[in-house]
Amino acid sequence: MNLKEGIKQSHLKLCACGCGQLCKNRFVQWHNILTFNHRMESNPAWNGGVKKDLKGYILVKKLKHHLANCQGYLPEHRLVYEEYHKCCLLKWAHIHHINGIKDDNRIENLEGMSHRQHSSLTHSKNMDGRVCAFCGSDKTIIRSNGRPHWSIHLGRFMCNNCYHKKYRINRKHK
């Protein structure tokens, strides 16, 4: 052994987590997190790594999961969906709660979809009982996406016929 190798080995020390491995710093990579988890689990306030976020979703602690945030938490519904379907969700994939209850993470209540599909489901309004403020009709045209089209004039709903009469729009195609 030459002098250079002796100096390198003298800088190595045992990992502080107690695994017995040699390292340059205090911990081998990821061992400090494992030690931190052990300390959390021995804490009487430890709740098993489960908490709720401000939106009402259940978060689960999974440190090395690809969707985990900087604190190691990820939404439980995404984890349940991944494990059941044996897939790897991308960040932009959406998991919809069919019954609308955000902490009901049963697999039969979860449905995978794109952002566009999820937006149309969650942001659509029920237009049953809506009537035109000008003619009193409850009928209007249906758009290509299957939803009725209502215009708003001075804060009141207007059917398609009244809209075209009011603004004198020629509906004939050239």
C-alpha atoms as a PDB file:
ATOM      1  CA  MET A   1       0.000   0.000   0.000  1.00  0.00           C
ATOM      2  CA  ASN A   2       1.410   3.338  -0.979  1.00  0.00           C
ATOM      3  CA  LEU A   3       1.013   6.637   0.863  1.00  0.00           C
ATOM      4  CA  LYS A   4      -1.749   7.943  -1.427  1.00  0.00           C
ATOM      5  CA  GLU A   5      -4.004   4.891  -0.847  1.00  0.00           C
ATOM      6  CA  GLY A   6      -3.398   5.147   2.914  1.00  0.00           C
ATOM      7  CA  ILE A   7      -4.560   8.771   2.959  1.00  0.00           C
ATOM      8  CA  LYS A   8      -7.721   7.911   0.989  1.00  0.00           C
ATOM      9  CA  GLN A   9      -8.609   5.063   3.359  1.00  0.00           C
ATOM     10  CA  SER A  10      -8.002   7.221   6.425  1.00  0.00           C
ATOM     11  CA  HIS A  11     -10.690   9.646   5.215  1.00  0.00           C
ATOM     12  CA  LEU A  12     -13.266   6.868   5.110  1.00  0.00           C
ATOM     13  CA  LYS A  13     -15.366   6.266   8.200  1.00  0.00           C
ATOM     14  CA  LEU A  14     -18.229   4.027   9.177  1.00  0.00           C
ATOM     15  CA  CYS A  15     -21.720   5.098   8.134  1.00  0.00           C
ATOM     16  CA  ALA A  16     -23.582   6.765  11.023  1.00  0.00           C
ATOM     17  CA  CYS A  17     -26.722   4.653  10.458  1.00  0.00           C
ATOM     18  CA  GLY A  18     -24.928   1.538  11.763  1.00  0.00           C
ATOM     19  CA  CYS A  19     -24.916  -0.496   8.531  1.00  0.00           C
ATOM     20  CA  GLY A  20     -21.146  -1.087   8.717  1.00  0.00           C
ATOM     21  CA  GLN A  21     -20.307   0.402   5.303  1.00  0.00           C
ATOM     22  CA  LEU A  22     -17.409   2.826   4.814  1.00  0.00           C
ATOM     23  CA  CYS A  23     -18.093   6.281   3.392  1.00  0.00           C
ATOM     24  CA  LYS A  24     -16.432   9.687   2.921  1.00  0.00           C
ATOM     25  CA  ASN A  25     -19.207  11.646   4.590  1.00  0.00           C
ATOM     26  CA  ARG A  26     -21.311  10.877   7.641  1.00  0.00           C
ATOM     27  CA  PHE A  27     -23.765   8.653   5.718  1.00  0.00           C
ATOM     28  CA  VAL A  28     -23.779   6.434   2.643  1.00  0.00           C
ATOM     29  CA  GLN A  29     -26.223   7.891   0.086  1.00  0.00           C
ATOM     30  CA  TRP A  30     -29.888   7.501   1.246  1.00  0.00           C
ATOM     31  CA  HIS A  31     -28.858   6.099   4.633  1.00  0.00           C
ATOM     32  CA  ASN A  32     -29.501   9.429   6.377  1.00  0.00           C
ATOM     33  CA  ILE A  33     -33.102   9.314   5.142  1.00  0.00           C
ATOM     34  CA  LEU A  34     -33.496   5.754   6.386  1.00  0.00           C
ATOM     35  CA  THR A  35     -32.149   6.815   9.797  1.00  0.00           C
ATOM     36  CA  PHE A  36     -34.513   9.796   9.748  1.00  0.00           C
ATOM     37  CA  ASN A  37     -37.432   7.442   9.020  1.00  0.00           C
ATOM     38  CA  HIS A  38     -36.410   5.213  11.921  1.00  0.00           C
ATOM     39  CA  ARG A  39     -36.442   8.256  14.211  1.00  0.00           C
ATOM     40  CA  MET A  40     -39.867   9.257  12.882  1.00  0.00           C
ATOM     41  CA  GLU A  41     -41.278   5.779  13.476  1.00  0.00           C
ATOM     42  CA  SER A  42     -40.054   5.759  17.075  1.00  0.00           C
ATOM     43  CA  ASN A  43     -41.702   9.153  17.690  1.00  0.00           C
ATOM     44  CA  PRO A  44     -45.014   8.787  19.624  1.00  0.00           C
ATOM     45  CA  ALA A  45     -46.654  11.305  17.241  1.00  0.00           C
ATOM     46  CA  TRP A  46     -45.796   9.172  14.151  1.00  0.00           C
ATOM     47  CA  ASN A  47     -48.972   8.437  12.193  1.00  0.00           C
ATOM     48  CA  GLY A  48     -47.550   5.852   9.804  1.00  0.00           C
ATOM     49  CA  GLY A  49     -46.588   8.335   7.090  1.00  0.00           C
ATOM     50  CA  VAL A  50     -50.173   9.221   6.185  1.00  0.00           C
ATOM     51  CA  LYS A  51     -51.605  12.742   6.172  1.00  0.00           C
ATOM     52  CA  LYS A  52     -54.185  14.865   4.355  1.00  0.00           C
ATOM     53  CA  ASP A  53     -53.293  17.822   2.174  1.00  0.00           C
ATOM     54  CA  LEU A  54     -55.220  21.095   2.060  1.00  0.00           C
ATOM     55  CA  LYS A  55     -57.390  19.898  -0.862  1.00  0.00           C
ATOM     56  CA  GLY A  56     -58.569  16.815   1.073  1.00  0.00           C
ATOM     57  CA  TYR A  57     -56.447  14.149  -0.653  1.00  0.00           C
ATOM     58  CA  ILE A  58     -54.692  11.483   1.432  1.00  0.00           C
ATOM     59  CA  LEU A  59     -50.890  11.569   1.090  1.00  0.00           C
ATOM     60  CA  VAL A  60     -48.658   8.549   1.773  1.00  0.00           C
ATOM     61  CA  LYS A  61     -44.935   8.639   2.544  1.00  0.00           C
ATOM     62  CA  LYS A  62     -42.954   6.724  -0.110  1.00  0.00           C
ATOM     63  CA  LEU A  63     -39.484   8.251  -0.274  1.00  0.00           C
ATOM     64  CA  LYS A  64     -38.118   6.662  -3.445  1.00  0.00           C
ATOM     65  CA  HIS A  65     -41.347   6.740  -5.488  1.00  0.00           C
ATOM     66  CA  HIS A  66     -41.060   8.602  -8.804  1.00  0.00           C
ATOM     67  CA  LEU A  67     -44.136  10.776  -8.028  1.00  0.00           C
ATOM     68  CA  ALA A  68     -43.123  11.677  -4.455  1.00  0.00           C
ATOM     69  CA  ASN A  69     -42.727  15.348  -3.609  1.00  0.00           C
ATOM     70  CA  CYS A  70     -39.634  16.805  -1.904  1.00  0.00           C
ATOM     71  CA  GLN A  71     -40.899  15.585   1.494  1.00  0.00           C
ATOM     72  CA  GLY A  72     -41.422  12.047   0.168  1.00  0.00           C
ATOM     73  CA  TYR A  73     -45.254  12.142   0.016  1.00  0.00           C
ATOM     74  CA  LEU A  74     -47.495  11.228  -2.919  1.00  0.00           C
ATOM     75  CA  PRO A  75     -51.287  11.079  -3.311  1.00  0.00           C
ATOM     76  CA  GLU A  76     -52.634   7.714  -2.174  1.00  0.00           C
ATOM     77  CA  HIS A  77     -55.121   7.446  -5.058  1.00  0.00           C
ATOM     78  CA  ARG A  78     -52.278   7.542  -7.584  1.00  0.00           C
ATOM     79  CA  LEU A  79     -50.391   4.836  -5.668  1.00  0.00           C
ATOM     80  CA  VAL A  80     -53.512   2.616  -5.418  1.00  0.00           C
ATOM     81  CA  TYR A  81     -54.159   3.007  -9.157  1.00  0.00           C
ATOM     82  CA  GLU A  82     -50.535   2.182 -10.047  1.00  0.00           C
ATOM     83  CA  GLU A  83     -50.389  -0.896  -7.832  1.00  0.00           C
ATOM     84  CA  TYR A  84     -53.732  -2.300  -9.019  1.00  0.00           C
ATOM     85  CA  HIS A  85     -53.099  -1.751 -12.740  1.00  0.00           C
ATOM     86  CA  LYS A  86     -49.357  -2.559 -12.461  1.00  0.00           C
ATOM     87  CA  CYS A  87     -48.458   0.591 -14.362  1.00  0.00           C
ATOM     88  CA  CYS A  88     -46.286   3.651 -13.942  1.00  0.00           C
ATOM     89  CA  LEU A  89     -48.283   6.887 -14.056  1.00  0.00           C
ATOM     90  CA  LEU A  90     -46.811   9.947 -15.687  1.00  0.00           C
ATOM     91  CA  LYS A  91     -46.922  13.273 -13.838  1.00  0.00           C
ATOM     92  CA  TRP A  92     -49.629  14.688 -16.121  1.00  0.00           C
ATOM     93  CA  ALA A  93     -51.986  11.678 -15.877  1.00  0.00           C
ATOM     94  CA  HIS A  94     -55.164  12.321 -13.885  1.00  0.00           C
ATOM     95  CA  ILE A  95     -56.947   9.895 -11.567  1.00  0.00           C
ATOM     96  CA  HIS A  96     -60.620  10.816 -11.167  1.00  0.00           C
ATOM     97  CA  HIS A  97     -62.661   9.970  -8.058  1.00  0.00           C
ATOM     98  CA  ILE A  98     -65.959   8.804  -9.603  1.00  0.00           C
ATOM     99  CA  ASN A  99     -68.115   9.604  -6.557  1.00  0.00           C
ATOM    100  CA  GLY A 100     -66.345  12.944  -5.964  1.00  0.00           C
ATOM    101  CA  ILE A 101     -65.078  12.019  -2.479  1.00  0.00           C
ATOM    102  CA  LYS A 102     -61.357  12.794  -2.485  1.00  0.00           C
ATOM    103  CA  ASP A 103     -60.379  10.442   0.340  1.00  0.00           C
ATOM    104  CA  ASP A 104     -62.337   7.424  -1.018  1.00  0.00           C
ATOM    105  CA  ASN A 105     -59.461   5.582  -2.675  1.00  0.00           C
ATOM    106  CA  ARG A 106     -61.138   2.246  -3.403  1.00  0.00           C
ATOM    107  CA  ILE A 107     -60.056   0.974  -6.829  1.00  0.00           C
ATOM    108  CA  GLU A 108     -63.672   0.828  -8.076  1.00  0.00           C
ATOM    109  CA  ASN A 109     -63.920   4.566  -7.378  1.00  0.00           C
ATOM    110  CA  LEU A 110     -60.804   5.493  -9.374  1.00  0.00           C
ATOM    111  CA  GLU A 111     -60.626   6.127 -13.109  1.00  0.00           C
ATOM    112  CA  GLY A 112     -57.568   7.139 -15.133  1.00  0.00           C
ATOM    113  CA  MET A 113     -57.949   9.843 -17.776  1.00  0.00           C
ATOM    114  CA  SER A 114     -56.294  12.715 -19.581  1.00  0.00           C
ATOM    115  CA  HIS A 115     -56.321  16.315 -18.339  1.00  0.00           C
ATOM    116  CA  ARG A 116     -58.883  17.306 -20.966  1.00  0.00           C
ATOM    117  CA  GLN A 117     -61.285  14.515 -19.986  1.00  0.00           C
ATOM    118  CA  HIS A 118     -60.888  15.317 -16.299  1.00  0.00           C
ATOM    119  CA  SER A 119     -61.499  19.037 -16.844  1.00  0.00           C
ATOM    120  CA  SER A 120     -64.676  18.416 -18.817  1.00  0.00           C
ATOM    121  CA  LEU A 121     -65.957  16.148 -16.032  1.00  0.00           C
ATOM    122  CA  THR A 122     -65.109  18.367 -13.092  1.00  0.00           C
ATOM    123  CA  HIS A 123     -65.914  21.772 -14.601  1.00  0.00           C
ATOM    124  CA  SER A 124     -69.180  21.017 -16.388  1.00  0.00           C
ATOM    125  CA  LYS A 125     -72.370  22.557 -14.997  1.00  0.00           C
ATOM    126  CA  ASN A 126     -75.822  21.046 -14.783  1.00  0.00           C
ATOM    127  CA  MET A 127     -78.024  23.061 -17.128  1.00  0.00           C
ATOM    128  CA  ASP A 128     -81.297  21.277 -16.340  1.00  0.00           C
ATOM    129  CA  GLY A 129     -84.057  23.764 -15.646  1.00  0.00           C
ATOM    130  CA  ARG A 130     -82.290  26.652 -17.372  1.00  0.00           C
ATOM    131  CA  VAL A 131     -84.656  28.843 -19.395  1.00  0.00           C
ATOM    132  CA  CYS A 132     -84.159  31.716 -21.784  1.00  0.00           C
ATOM    133  CA  ALA A 133     -84.767  35.077 -20.104  1.00  0.00           C
ATOM    134  CA  PHE A 134     -86.212  36.506 -23.342  1.00  0.00           C
ATOM    135  CA  CYS A 135     -88.528  33.816 -24.773  1.00  0.00           C
ATOM    136  CA  GLY A 136     -88.902  31.430 -21.808  1.00  0.00           C
ATOM    137  CA  SER A 137     -87.753  28.413 -23.847  1.00  0.00           C
ATOM    138  CA  ASP A 138     -85.753  25.653 -22.200  1.00  0.00           C
ATOM    139  CA  LYS A 139     -84.322  24.518 -25.562  1.00  0.00           C
ATOM    140  CA  THR A 140     -81.164  25.646 -27.322  1.00  0.00           C
ATOM    141  CA  ILE A 141     -78.633  24.125 -29.706  1.00  0.00           C
ATOM    142  CA  ILE A 142     -76.411  21.248 -28.645  1.00  0.00           C
ATOM    143  CA  ARG A 143     -72.704  21.675 -29.342  1.00  0.00           C
ATOM    144  CA  SER A 144     -70.521  18.978 -30.880  1.00  0.00           C
ATOM    145  CA  ASN A 145     -69.299  17.997 -27.388  1.00  0.00           C
ATOM    146  CA  GLY A 146     -72.885  17.138 -26.422  1.00  0.00           C
ATOM    147  CA  ARG A 147     -73.501  20.123 -24.141  1.00  0.00           C
ATOM    148  CA  PRO A 148     -76.196  22.758 -24.687  1.00  0.00           C
ATOM    149  CA  HIS A 149     -75.035  26.231 -25.675  1.00  0.00           C
ATOM    150  CA  TRP A 150     -76.412  29.160 -23.679  1.00  0.00           C
ATOM    151  CA  SER A 151     -75.314  32.766 -24.209  1.00  0.00           C
ATOM    152  CA  ILE A 152     -75.296  35.377 -21.460  1.00  0.00           C
ATOM    153  CA  HIS A 153     -76.689  38.856 -22.038  1.00  0.00           C
ATOM    154  CA  LEU A 154     -76.793  41.377 -19.162  1.00  0.00           C
ATOM    155  CA  GLY A 155     -76.305  38.563 -16.659  1.00  0.00           C
ATOM    156  CA  ARG A 156     -79.255  36.531 -17.988  1.00  0.00           C
ATOM    157  CA  PHE A 157     -79.237  33.346 -20.057  1.00  0.00           C
ATOM    158  CA  MET A 158     -80.291  33.508 -23.685  1.00  0.00           C
ATOM    159  CA  CYS A 159     -81.102  30.597 -26.010  1.00  0.00           C
ATOM    160  CA  ASN A 160     -79.414  30.333 -29.391  1.00  0.00           C
ATOM    161  CA  ASN A 161     -82.512  31.562 -31.322  1.00  0.00           C
ATOM    162  CA  CYS A 162     -82.845  34.734 -29.231  1.00  0.00           C
ATOM    163  CA  TYR A 163     -79.103  35.338 -29.486  1.00  0.00           C
ATOM    164  CA  HIS A 164     -79.277  35.273 -33.287  1.00  0.00           C
ATOM    165  CA  LYS A 165     -82.396  37.492 -33.336  1.00  0.00           C
ATOM    166  CA  LYS A 166     -80.860  40.002 -30.931  1.00  0.00           C
ATOM    167  CA  TYR A 167     -77.572  40.315 -32.767  1.00  0.00           C
ATOM    168  CA  ARG A 168     -79.070  39.798 -36.271  1.00  0.00           C
ATOM    169  CA  ILE A 169     -76.632  37.077 -37.190  1.00  0.00           C
ATOM    170  CA  ASN A 170     -77.321  35.427 -40.515  1.00  0.00           C
ATOM    171  CA  ARG A 171     -77.365  31.678 -39.913  1.00  0.00           C
ATOM    172  CA  LYS A 172     -77.311  30.767 -43.614  1.00  0.00           C
ATOM    173  CA  HIS A 173     -74.040  29.309 -44.766  1.00  0.00           C
ATOM    174  CA  LYS A 174     -72.602  30.548 -48.048  1.00  0.00           C
END
